[in-house]
Structure formats: structure tokens, C-alpha cells
Amino acid sequence: MITSKYRIWYDLYITLENDGSAKLHLPQAQIDRIELTGPDSQLFEVVSGYYPDPEVQIGGQTSFWIRFLGDYSQSKYLLKIKVVTSEPDVEDHEFALALADCNNQANTIVVDQSDDWLECDIILGDVFVTDNAELTISNIIGFGAGANLIIDQGAKVILDNGHLTKLVTPGGVV
């Protein structure tokens, strides 16, 4: 944590490991290696000078730092991170980062009709999709520790370019 007279920033250290069978190549220009998008992306930055290396050997690692610049006026912040590769046969690696006040009340959500989830969100309680209901997810949904998605027989959950993920605590492994 870095403290200034007026603001507290949090730096998040992210390590990438190449567990593939070939050397991994990222773009030569640092700025092109990491893309930050999502509803709160303006509140995050890659720390200058702390981008991942352009080459990662088999079994090797590289790291980068993401800095949160927000003021914690919201109870949650969501960020999509893309590690861009420069190889045509290797897909870019995308994942989500969520900062949340997990002390908030974990309310149960019941979906009992058709519902579309278009926004990124963090769910701290259980989600029940009841018989004959349909839930379409078109963005990233992060489930907190102990939260579950429970789908009744006859119900549908459709991932339309959506992603489900489990949240981990700082220092956890994704």
C-alpha cells in the first residue's frame, strides 16, 4: 500500500506462469501487452515500469502491477484484464478483477421469470433459478465465498458472452 497526504492506492501484483510447451511471446511495446476494460477501468492503471516481460520461457513467470486509484465510495469495483499475445496460434488471456466490500449483507437472489444480466456484478449470496425461469448472463459475474448458483430442473441459464467466476481473497490463486 502506498499512502499520500490525500489518497491511498492499492497495488495488485499479478504473476503469469507459462505452463505451455513453447515460449510465450507478448507484444514488444509495453503499452500493448495489457488491456484494461470494464465498467470501472478508469479507476485502474498498469504501473509504469511494471509491465510483463515480452518473452516468457517454458515454465517461466513474468509479473505486472495493477494500481487501483479509486476512493472506495462504491461497495464494488470491476475490471477486465487482457494479457495480449503476439502469436496467431495462442489466444489472449482474459480474466476479471473485482474489489468488493465482502462484509455487505449476502442476500439471496431468486430468479422466477426471464431475466437478463447485462452488467458486471459481484454476488455474495446464493442465486436460485426456479423451474421454467430463464436467466441470460452477458457479462462477468463474480461469486463470493459460499455463494452458489442453484438451477432447478426445467430452468435455463444461458451464458451469452458471459463469464462466471469465483472471487478469491488477496494473495489467492486464480
N, C-alpha and C. Protein backbone atom coordinates (compact mmCIF):
# COMPACT_ATOMS: atom_id res chain seq x y z
N MET A 1 0.85 -1.17 0.00
CA MET A 1 0.00 0.00 0.00
C MET A 1 0.89 1.23 0.00
N ILE A 2 0.51 2.22 -0.79
CA ILE A 2 1.23 3.48 -0.87
C ILE A 2 0.31 4.56 -0.33
N THR A 3 0.79 5.36 0.60
CA THR A 3 -0.04 6.39 1.20
C THR A 3 0.50 7.76 0.83
N SER A 4 -0.38 8.65 0.40
CA SER A 4 0.00 10.03 0.18
C SER A 4 -0.81 10.87 1.15
N LYS A 5 -0.63 12.16 1.09
CA LYS A 5 -1.36 13.04 2.00
C LYS A 5 -2.87 12.96 1.80
N TYR A 6 -3.31 12.69 0.58
CA TYR A 6 -4.73 12.78 0.27
C TYR A 6 -5.40 11.47 -0.14
N ARG A 7 -4.65 10.45 -0.45
CA ARG A 7 -5.25 9.27 -1.05
C ARG A 7 -4.45 8.03 -0.71
N ILE A 8 -5.13 6.90 -0.69
CA ILE A 8 -4.46 5.60 -0.52
C ILE A 8 -4.64 4.82 -1.80
N TRP A 9 -3.54 4.32 -2.36
CA TRP A 9 -3.60 3.48 -3.55
C TRP A 9 -3.29 2.06 -3.15
N TYR A 10 -3.86 1.11 -3.86
CA TYR A 10 -3.53 -0.29 -3.66
C TYR A 10 -2.94 -0.83 -4.94
N ASP A 11 -1.75 -1.41 -4.84
CA ASP A 11 -1.09 -2.04 -5.96
C ASP A 11 -1.31 -3.53 -5.87
N LEU A 12 -1.76 -4.11 -6.97
CA LEU A 12 -2.04 -5.54 -7.04
C LEU A 12 -0.99 -6.19 -7.92
N TYR A 13 -0.27 -7.13 -7.39
CA TYR A 13 0.83 -7.81 -8.08
C TYR A 13 0.26 -9.07 -8.72
N ILE A 14 0.35 -9.18 -10.04
CA ILE A 14 -0.21 -10.31 -10.77
C ILE A 14 0.93 -11.04 -11.48
N THR A 15 1.01 -12.35 -11.26
CA THR A 15 2.05 -13.18 -11.87
C THR A 15 1.43 -14.10 -12.91
N LEU A 16 2.05 -14.15 -14.08
CA LEU A 16 1.66 -15.06 -15.15
C LEU A 16 2.70 -16.17 -15.24
N GLU A 17 2.24 -17.41 -15.36
CA GLU A 17 3.16 -18.54 -15.49
C GLU A 17 2.90 -19.23 -16.82
N ASN A 18 3.97 -19.51 -17.56
CA ASN A 18 3.85 -20.21 -18.83
C ASN A 18 3.96 -21.71 -18.55
N ASP A 19 2.81 -22.39 -18.49
CA ASP A 19 2.82 -23.84 -18.28
C ASP A 19 2.57 -24.58 -19.60
N GLY A 20 2.78 -23.89 -20.71
CA GLY A 20 2.61 -24.49 -22.03
C GLY A 20 3.87 -25.21 -22.49
N SER A 21 3.89 -25.57 -23.76
CA SER A 21 5.01 -26.34 -24.31
C SER A 21 5.90 -25.51 -25.24
N ALA A 22 5.70 -24.19 -25.25
CA ALA A 22 6.52 -23.31 -26.09
C ALA A 22 6.69 -21.96 -25.39
N LYS A 23 7.71 -21.24 -25.81
CA LYS A 23 7.95 -19.90 -25.28
C LYS A 23 6.76 -19.01 -25.63
N LEU A 24 6.34 -18.17 -24.70
CA LEU A 24 5.22 -17.26 -24.90
C LEU A 24 5.77 -15.89 -25.29
N HIS A 25 5.21 -15.32 -26.36
CA HIS A 25 5.64 -14.00 -26.83
C HIS A 25 4.50 -13.00 -26.65
N LEU A 26 4.81 -11.88 -26.01
CA LEU A 26 3.89 -10.77 -25.87
C LEU A 26 4.40 -9.63 -26.76
N PRO A 27 3.55 -8.64 -27.06
CA PRO A 27 4.00 -7.54 -27.91
C PRO A 27 5.24 -6.84 -27.35
N GLN A 28 6.08 -6.32 -28.24
CA GLN A 28 7.30 -5.63 -27.81
C GLN A 28 7.01 -4.33 -27.06
N ALA A 29 6.00 -3.61 -27.50
CA ALA A 29 5.66 -2.35 -26.83
C ALA A 29 4.92 -2.65 -25.52
N GLN A 30 5.45 -2.15 -24.40
CA GLN A 30 4.85 -2.42 -23.09
C GLN A 30 3.37 -2.09 -23.05
N ILE A 31 3.00 -0.96 -23.58
CA ILE A 31 1.62 -0.48 -23.51
C ILE A 31 0.64 -1.43 -24.20
N ASP A 32 1.12 -2.24 -25.16
CA ASP A 32 0.27 -3.15 -25.91
C ASP A 32 0.09 -4.51 -25.22
N ARG A 33 0.81 -4.79 -24.15
CA ARG A 33 0.77 -6.12 -23.52
C ARG A 33 -0.43 -6.33 -22.62
N ILE A 34 -0.95 -5.27 -22.02
CA ILE A 34 -2.08 -5.38 -21.09
C ILE A 34 -3.17 -4.42 -21.51
N GLU A 35 -4.43 -4.92 -21.58
CA GLU A 35 -5.58 -4.06 -21.85
C GLU A 35 -6.50 -4.10 -20.64
N LEU A 36 -6.92 -2.93 -20.17
CA LEU A 36 -7.84 -2.81 -19.05
C LEU A 36 -9.16 -2.25 -19.57
N THR A 37 -10.25 -2.99 -19.35
CA THR A 37 -11.58 -2.56 -19.78
C THR A 37 -12.56 -2.88 -18.67
N GLY A 38 -13.80 -2.57 -18.90
CA GLY A 38 -14.84 -2.86 -17.91
C GLY A 38 -15.41 -1.58 -17.32
N PRO A 39 -16.44 -1.73 -16.50
CA PRO A 39 -17.18 -0.56 -16.02
C PRO A 39 -16.36 0.39 -15.15
N ASP A 40 -15.32 -0.09 -14.48
CA ASP A 40 -14.53 0.76 -13.59
C ASP A 40 -13.08 0.90 -14.05
N SER A 41 -12.82 0.64 -15.33
CA SER A 41 -11.44 0.61 -15.82
C SER A 41 -10.72 1.95 -15.66
N GLN A 42 -11.47 3.06 -15.65
CA GLN A 42 -10.83 4.37 -15.50
C GLN A 42 -10.21 4.54 -14.11
N LEU A 43 -10.54 3.65 -13.18
CA LEU A 43 -10.00 3.74 -11.82
C LEU A 43 -8.79 2.83 -11.60
N PHE A 44 -8.29 2.21 -12.67
CA PHE A 44 -7.15 1.30 -12.58
C PHE A 44 -6.11 1.70 -13.61
N GLU A 45 -4.85 1.34 -13.35
CA GLU A 45 -3.79 1.55 -14.33
C GLU A 45 -2.73 0.48 -14.13
N VAL A 46 -2.01 0.18 -15.21
CA VAL A 46 -0.81 -0.65 -15.09
C VAL A 46 0.28 0.30 -14.63
N VAL A 47 0.98 -0.07 -13.56
CA VAL A 47 2.00 0.80 -13.01
C VAL A 47 3.16 0.91 -14.00
N SER A 48 3.53 2.13 -14.32
CA SER A 48 4.60 2.38 -15.28
C SER A 48 5.89 1.69 -14.84
N GLY A 49 6.50 0.97 -15.79
CA GLY A 49 7.74 0.25 -15.48
C GLY A 49 7.52 -1.14 -14.93
N TYR A 50 6.26 -1.52 -14.71
CA TYR A 50 5.96 -2.85 -14.14
C TYR A 50 5.02 -3.64 -15.06
N TYR A 51 5.34 -3.66 -16.34
CA TYR A 51 4.60 -4.47 -17.31
C TYR A 51 5.24 -5.86 -17.38
N PRO A 52 4.51 -6.86 -17.89
CA PRO A 52 5.13 -8.18 -18.04
C PRO A 52 6.23 -8.16 -19.10
N ASP A 53 7.16 -9.10 -18.98
CA ASP A 53 8.25 -9.23 -19.95
C ASP A 53 7.68 -9.64 -21.32
N PRO A 54 8.37 -9.29 -22.43
CA PRO A 54 7.87 -9.64 -23.75
C PRO A 54 8.01 -11.12 -24.09
N GLU A 55 8.86 -11.86 -23.38
CA GLU A 55 9.01 -13.30 -23.60
C GLU A 55 8.96 -14.02 -22.26
N VAL A 56 8.25 -15.17 -22.26
CA VAL A 56 8.19 -15.99 -21.05
C VAL A 56 8.59 -17.40 -21.45
N GLN A 57 9.68 -17.88 -20.89
CA GLN A 57 10.19 -19.22 -21.19
C GLN A 57 9.21 -20.29 -20.71
N ILE A 58 9.31 -21.50 -21.24
CA ILE A 58 8.51 -22.64 -20.78
C ILE A 58 8.77 -22.82 -19.29
N GLY A 59 7.73 -22.85 -18.49
CA GLY A 59 7.87 -22.99 -17.04
C GLY A 59 8.27 -21.70 -16.34
N GLY A 60 8.45 -20.62 -17.11
CA GLY A 60 8.86 -19.34 -16.54
C GLY A 60 7.68 -18.49 -16.11
N GLN A 61 8.00 -17.37 -15.48
CA GLN A 61 6.99 -16.45 -14.98
C GLN A 61 7.34 -15.02 -15.36
N THR A 62 6.33 -14.18 -15.39
CA THR A 62 6.50 -12.74 -15.51
C THR A 62 5.38 -12.10 -14.71
N SER A 63 5.59 -10.89 -14.28
CA SER A 63 4.60 -10.23 -13.42
C SER A 63 4.34 -8.81 -13.89
N PHE A 64 3.23 -8.27 -13.41
CA PHE A 64 2.91 -6.87 -13.63
C PHE A 64 2.09 -6.36 -12.45
N TRP A 65 2.01 -5.04 -12.34
CA TRP A 65 1.30 -4.39 -11.24
C TRP A 65 0.10 -3.63 -11.78
N ILE A 66 -1.03 -3.79 -11.12
CA ILE A 66 -2.22 -3.01 -11.40
C ILE A 66 -2.45 -2.11 -10.19
N ARG A 67 -2.66 -0.82 -10.43
CA ARG A 67 -2.91 0.11 -9.32
C ARG A 67 -4.37 0.55 -9.35
N PHE A 68 -5.02 0.47 -8.18
CA PHE A 68 -6.39 0.97 -8.01
C PHE A 68 -6.30 2.41 -7.54
N LEU A 69 -6.96 3.32 -8.27
CA LEU A 69 -6.88 4.75 -7.99
C LEU A 69 -8.18 5.31 -7.41
N GLY A 70 -9.14 4.44 -7.11
CA GLY A 70 -10.45 4.90 -6.65
C GLY A 70 -10.43 5.38 -5.21
N ASP A 71 -11.58 5.85 -4.77
CA ASP A 71 -11.69 6.41 -3.43
C ASP A 71 -12.57 5.55 -2.50
N TYR A 72 -12.96 4.39 -2.95
CA TYR A 72 -13.77 3.45 -2.16
C TYR A 72 -15.14 4.02 -1.82
N SER A 73 -15.68 4.89 -2.67
CA SER A 73 -17.03 5.42 -2.44
C SER A 73 -18.09 4.41 -2.84
N GLN A 74 -17.72 3.40 -3.63
CA GLN A 74 -18.65 2.34 -4.03
C GLN A 74 -18.33 1.09 -3.20
N SER A 75 -19.28 0.15 -3.18
CA SER A 75 -19.04 -1.09 -2.44
C SER A 75 -18.35 -2.15 -3.30
N LYS A 76 -18.26 -1.91 -4.63
CA LYS A 76 -17.59 -2.87 -5.50
C LYS A 76 -17.04 -2.18 -6.74
N TYR A 77 -15.95 -2.75 -7.25
CA TYR A 77 -15.29 -2.25 -8.46
C TYR A 77 -14.92 -3.46 -9.31
N LEU A 78 -15.15 -3.36 -10.62
CA LEU A 78 -14.91 -4.47 -11.52
C LEU A 78 -14.00 -4.04 -12.67
N LEU A 79 -13.09 -4.94 -13.02
CA LEU A 79 -12.12 -4.67 -14.07
C LEU A 79 -11.90 -5.93 -14.89
N LYS A 80 -11.86 -5.80 -16.21
CA LYS A 80 -11.47 -6.89 -17.10
C LYS A 80 -10.02 -6.65 -17.52
N ILE A 81 -9.20 -7.68 -17.40
CA ILE A 81 -7.79 -7.60 -17.77
C ILE A 81 -7.51 -8.57 -18.90
N LYS A 82 -6.86 -8.08 -19.95
CA LYS A 82 -6.48 -8.95 -21.06
C LYS A 82 -4.96 -8.89 -21.22
N VAL A 83 -4.32 -10.07 -21.18
CA VAL A 83 -2.90 -10.18 -21.48
C VAL A 83 -2.83 -10.55 -22.96
N VAL A 84 -2.28 -9.66 -23.76
CA VAL A 84 -2.26 -9.81 -25.21
C VAL A 84 -1.01 -10.59 -25.63
N THR A 85 -1.21 -11.60 -26.46
CA THR A 85 -0.07 -12.34 -27.01
C THR A 85 0.19 -11.85 -28.43
N SER A 86 1.39 -12.08 -28.92
CA SER A 86 1.71 -11.66 -30.29
C SER A 86 1.85 -12.88 -31.21
N GLU A 87 1.24 -13.98 -30.80
CA GLU A 87 1.31 -15.21 -31.60
C GLU A 87 -0.07 -15.54 -32.14
N PRO A 88 -0.19 -15.81 -33.44
CA PRO A 88 -1.51 -16.05 -34.02
C PRO A 88 -2.17 -17.34 -33.53
N ASP A 89 -1.40 -18.30 -33.06
CA ASP A 89 -1.99 -19.58 -32.64
C ASP A 89 -2.22 -19.66 -31.13
N VAL A 90 -2.00 -18.55 -30.41
CA VAL A 90 -2.21 -18.51 -28.95
C VAL A 90 -3.23 -17.42 -28.65
N GLU A 91 -4.31 -17.79 -27.96
CA GLU A 91 -5.34 -16.81 -27.62
C GLU A 91 -4.86 -15.88 -26.51
N ASP A 92 -5.35 -14.66 -26.54
CA ASP A 92 -5.10 -13.74 -25.44
C ASP A 92 -5.72 -14.32 -24.17
N HIS A 93 -5.15 -13.98 -23.03
CA HIS A 93 -5.66 -14.47 -21.74
C HIS A 93 -6.46 -13.36 -21.08
N GLU A 94 -7.75 -13.63 -20.80
CA GLU A 94 -8.62 -12.63 -20.19
C GLU A 94 -9.11 -13.12 -18.84
N PHE A 95 -9.17 -12.20 -17.88
CA PHE A 95 -9.74 -12.53 -16.58
C PHE A 95 -10.29 -11.25 -15.96
N ALA A 96 -11.01 -11.41 -14.87
CA ALA A 96 -11.64 -10.27 -14.21
C ALA A 96 -11.03 -10.05 -12.84
N LEU A 97 -11.02 -8.81 -12.44
CA LEU A 97 -10.58 -8.43 -11.10
C LEU A 97 -11.74 -7.71 -10.45
N ALA A 98 -12.08 -8.11 -9.24
CA ALA A 98 -13.17 -7.47 -8.51
C ALA A 98 -12.67 -7.07 -7.13
N LEU A 99 -12.93 -5.84 -6.78
CA LEU A 99 -12.67 -5.37 -5.42
C LEU A 99 -14.04 -5.13 -4.80
N ALA A 100 -14.29 -5.75 -3.66
CA ALA A 100 -15.62 -5.64 -3.07
C ALA A 100 -15.54 -5.61 -1.56
N ASP A 101 -16.52 -4.96 -0.97
CA ASP A 101 -16.69 -5.00 0.48
C ASP A 101 -17.50 -6.24 0.79
N CYS A 102 -16.81 -7.31 1.12
CA CYS A 102 -17.48 -8.60 1.34
C CYS A 102 -18.15 -8.67 2.70
N ASN A 103 -18.14 -7.58 3.44
CA ASN A 103 -18.89 -7.53 4.69
C ASN A 103 -20.33 -7.12 4.46
N ASN A 104 -20.67 -6.78 3.21
CA ASN A 104 -22.06 -6.45 2.89
C ASN A 104 -22.95 -7.65 3.12
N GLN A 105 -24.22 -7.39 3.35
CA GLN A 105 -25.20 -8.46 3.56
C GLN A 105 -25.27 -9.36 2.33
N ALA A 106 -25.19 -10.66 2.54
CA ALA A 106 -25.26 -11.62 1.44
C ALA A 106 -26.72 -12.00 1.22
N ASN A 107 -27.40 -11.26 0.36
CA ASN A 107 -28.81 -11.52 0.08
C ASN A 107 -28.97 -12.65 -0.92
N THR A 108 -30.02 -13.44 -0.75
CA THR A 108 -30.37 -14.49 -1.70
C THR A 108 -31.14 -13.85 -2.85
N ILE A 109 -30.81 -14.25 -4.07
CA ILE A 109 -31.49 -13.76 -5.27
C ILE A 109 -32.30 -14.92 -5.84
N VAL A 110 -33.59 -14.68 -6.10
CA VAL A 110 -34.46 -15.69 -6.71
C VAL A 110 -34.87 -15.19 -8.09
N VAL A 111 -34.54 -15.99 -9.11
CA VAL A 111 -34.95 -15.67 -10.48
C VAL A 111 -36.11 -16.61 -10.81
N ASP A 112 -37.33 -16.03 -10.93
CA ASP A 112 -38.52 -16.87 -11.15
C ASP A 112 -39.24 -16.54 -12.45
N GLN A 113 -38.58 -15.78 -13.32
CA GLN A 113 -39.09 -15.47 -14.65
C GLN A 113 -37.88 -15.18 -15.54
N SER A 114 -38.10 -14.73 -16.75
CA SER A 114 -36.97 -14.41 -17.63
C SER A 114 -36.28 -13.16 -17.12
N ASP A 115 -34.94 -13.22 -17.08
CA ASP A 115 -34.15 -12.09 -16.60
C ASP A 115 -32.84 -12.04 -17.37
N ASP A 116 -32.40 -10.84 -17.71
CA ASP A 116 -31.13 -10.64 -18.41
C ASP A 116 -30.19 -9.86 -17.51
N TRP A 117 -29.00 -10.43 -17.26
CA TRP A 117 -27.96 -9.74 -16.50
C TRP A 117 -26.94 -9.23 -17.50
N LEU A 118 -26.97 -7.93 -17.76
CA LEU A 118 -26.12 -7.32 -18.78
C LEU A 118 -24.87 -6.67 -18.21
N GLU A 119 -24.86 -6.37 -16.93
CA GLU A 119 -23.76 -5.65 -16.29
C GLU A 119 -22.86 -6.61 -15.50
N CYS A 120 -21.59 -6.22 -15.34
CA CYS A 120 -20.69 -6.94 -14.43
C CYS A 120 -21.27 -6.81 -13.02
N ASP A 121 -21.13 -7.86 -12.23
CA ASP A 121 -21.65 -7.79 -10.86
C ASP A 121 -20.91 -8.76 -9.96
N ILE A 122 -21.02 -8.50 -8.67
CA ILE A 122 -20.48 -9.38 -7.65
C ILE A 122 -21.66 -9.87 -6.82
N ILE A 123 -21.77 -11.18 -6.69
CA ILE A 123 -22.87 -11.79 -5.96
C ILE A 123 -22.30 -12.42 -4.70
N LEU A 124 -22.82 -12.02 -3.55
CA LEU A 124 -22.30 -12.54 -2.29
C LEU A 124 -23.18 -13.64 -1.70
N GLY A 125 -24.45 -13.71 -2.12
CA GLY A 125 -25.36 -14.75 -1.62
C GLY A 125 -25.72 -15.73 -2.72
N ASP A 126 -26.55 -16.71 -2.41
CA ASP A 126 -26.97 -17.72 -3.38
C ASP A 126 -27.91 -17.13 -4.42
N VAL A 127 -27.86 -17.69 -5.63
CA VAL A 127 -28.80 -17.36 -6.71
C VAL A 127 -29.58 -18.62 -7.03
N PHE A 128 -30.91 -18.56 -6.91
CA PHE A 128 -31.78 -19.67 -7.25
C PHE A 128 -32.52 -19.34 -8.54
N VAL A 129 -32.38 -20.20 -9.56
CA VAL A 129 -33.14 -20.06 -10.80
C VAL A 129 -34.21 -21.14 -10.74
N THR A 130 -35.47 -20.72 -10.61
CA THR A 130 -36.56 -21.66 -10.36
C THR A 130 -37.08 -22.29 -11.65
N ASP A 131 -37.88 -23.34 -11.48
CA ASP A 131 -38.47 -24.11 -12.58
C ASP A 131 -39.13 -23.17 -13.59
N ASN A 132 -38.82 -23.37 -14.87
CA ASN A 132 -39.35 -22.61 -16.01
C ASN A 132 -38.83 -21.18 -16.12
N ALA A 133 -37.94 -20.76 -15.25
CA ALA A 133 -37.33 -19.42 -15.37
C ALA A 133 -36.11 -19.52 -16.29
N GLU A 134 -35.74 -18.37 -16.87
CA GLU A 134 -34.57 -18.32 -17.75
C GLU A 134 -33.73 -17.12 -17.37
N LEU A 135 -32.45 -17.36 -17.09
CA LEU A 135 -31.51 -16.31 -16.76
C LEU A 135 -30.44 -16.25 -17.84
N THR A 136 -30.32 -15.08 -18.49
CA THR A 136 -29.29 -14.88 -19.51
C THR A 136 -28.22 -13.96 -18.93
N ILE A 137 -26.97 -14.43 -18.95
CA ILE A 137 -25.85 -13.66 -18.40
C ILE A 137 -24.96 -13.24 -19.56
N SER A 138 -24.76 -11.92 -19.71
CA SER A 138 -24.00 -11.37 -20.84
C SER A 138 -22.79 -10.56 -20.39
N ASN A 139 -22.30 -10.83 -19.18
CA ASN A 139 -21.13 -10.13 -18.70
C ASN A 139 -20.47 -10.98 -17.63
N ILE A 140 -19.54 -10.41 -16.87
CA ILE A 140 -18.84 -11.16 -15.84
C ILE A 140 -19.62 -11.09 -14.53
N ILE A 141 -19.85 -12.24 -13.94
CA ILE A 141 -20.48 -12.33 -12.63
C ILE A 141 -19.51 -13.05 -11.71
N GLY A 142 -19.11 -12.38 -10.64
CA GLY A 142 -18.20 -12.96 -9.65
C GLY A 142 -18.98 -13.38 -8.43
N PHE A 143 -18.79 -14.64 -8.01
CA PHE A 143 -19.47 -15.17 -6.84
C PHE A 143 -18.50 -15.16 -5.66
N GLY A 144 -18.95 -14.59 -4.54
CA GLY A 144 -18.15 -14.56 -3.33
C GLY A 144 -18.06 -15.94 -2.68
N ALA A 145 -17.20 -16.05 -1.67
CA ALA A 145 -17.04 -17.32 -0.94
C ALA A 145 -18.39 -17.74 -0.37
N GLY A 146 -18.75 -18.97 -0.60
CA GLY A 146 -20.00 -19.50 -0.06
C GLY A 146 -21.21 -19.23 -0.93
N ALA A 147 -21.10 -18.41 -1.96
CA ALA A 147 -22.23 -18.12 -2.85
C ALA A 147 -22.32 -19.22 -3.90
N ASN A 148 -23.55 -19.59 -4.26
CA ASN A 148 -23.79 -20.67 -5.21
C ASN A 148 -24.83 -20.25 -6.24
N LEU A 149 -24.74 -20.85 -7.43
CA LEU A 149 -25.76 -20.72 -8.45
C LEU A 149 -26.51 -22.04 -8.47
N ILE A 150 -27.79 -22.01 -8.11
CA ILE A 150 -28.60 -23.23 -7.99
C ILE A 150 -29.69 -23.18 -9.06
N ILE A 151 -29.70 -24.18 -9.94
CA ILE A 151 -30.61 -24.19 -11.09
C ILE A 151 -31.59 -25.35 -10.93
N ASP A 152 -32.87 -25.03 -10.79
CA ASP A 152 -33.90 -26.07 -10.69
C ASP A 152 -34.07 -26.80 -12.01
N GLN A 153 -34.55 -28.04 -11.93
CA GLN A 153 -34.87 -28.78 -13.14
C GLN A 153 -35.95 -28.01 -13.90
N GLY A 154 -35.77 -27.85 -15.20
CA GLY A 154 -36.70 -27.10 -16.03
C GLY A 154 -36.32 -25.63 -16.19
N ALA A 155 -35.35 -25.17 -15.42
CA ALA A 155 -34.87 -23.80 -15.54
C ALA A 155 -33.72 -23.75 -16.55
N LYS A 156 -33.41 -22.54 -17.05
CA LYS A 156 -32.31 -22.38 -18.00
C LYS A 156 -31.41 -21.23 -17.55
N VAL A 157 -30.10 -21.45 -17.68
CA VAL A 157 -29.13 -20.38 -17.53
C VAL A 157 -28.33 -20.34 -18.83
N ILE A 158 -28.35 -19.20 -19.49
CA ILE A 158 -27.69 -19.03 -20.78
C ILE A 158 -26.53 -18.05 -20.61
N LEU A 159 -25.33 -18.49 -20.98
CA LEU A 159 -24.17 -17.60 -20.99
C LEU A 159 -24.02 -17.06 -22.41
N ASP A 160 -24.47 -15.83 -22.62
CA ASP A 160 -24.40 -15.17 -23.91
C ASP A 160 -23.22 -14.20 -23.86
N ASN A 161 -22.04 -14.74 -24.12
CA ASN A 161 -20.79 -13.98 -23.99
C ASN A 161 -20.55 -13.57 -22.54
N GLY A 162 -21.13 -14.31 -21.60
CA GLY A 162 -20.96 -14.04 -20.19
C GLY A 162 -19.95 -14.99 -19.57
N HIS A 163 -19.48 -14.64 -18.38
CA HIS A 163 -18.49 -15.44 -17.66
C HIS A 163 -18.89 -15.52 -16.20
N LEU A 164 -18.77 -16.70 -15.62
CA LEU A 164 -18.98 -16.88 -14.20
C LEU A 164 -17.61 -17.13 -13.57
N THR A 165 -17.36 -16.52 -12.43
CA THR A 165 -16.09 -16.71 -11.76
C THR A 165 -16.29 -16.71 -10.25
N LYS A 166 -15.36 -17.32 -9.56
CA LYS A 166 -15.37 -17.33 -8.09
C LYS A 166 -14.35 -16.32 -7.62
N LEU A 167 -14.72 -15.49 -6.67
CA LEU A 167 -13.81 -14.48 -6.16
C LEU A 167 -12.83 -15.11 -5.18
N VAL A 168 -11.60 -14.62 -5.19
CA VAL A 168 -10.58 -15.09 -4.25
C VAL A 168 -10.12 -13.89 -3.43
N THR A 169 -9.58 -14.16 -2.27
CA THR A 169 -9.07 -13.10 -1.43
C THR A 169 -7.68 -12.69 -1.91
N PRO A 170 -7.21 -11.50 -1.54
CA PRO A 170 -5.85 -11.10 -1.96
C PRO A 170 -4.83 -12.16 -1.58
N GLY A 171 -3.94 -12.44 -2.51
CA GLY A 171 -2.94 -13.47 -2.29
C GLY A 171 -3.41 -14.84 -2.74
N GLY A 172 -4.70 -14.93 -3.13
CA GLY A 172 -5.25 -16.21 -3.58
C GLY A 172 -4.82 -16.52 -4.99
N VAL A 173 -5.06 -17.73 -5.40
CA VAL A 173 -4.69 -18.19 -6.73
C VAL A 173 -5.94 -18.30 -7.58
N VAL A 174 -5.86 -17.77 -8.80
CA VAL A 174 -6.98 -17.84 -9.74
C VAL A 174 -6.81 -19.06 -10.60
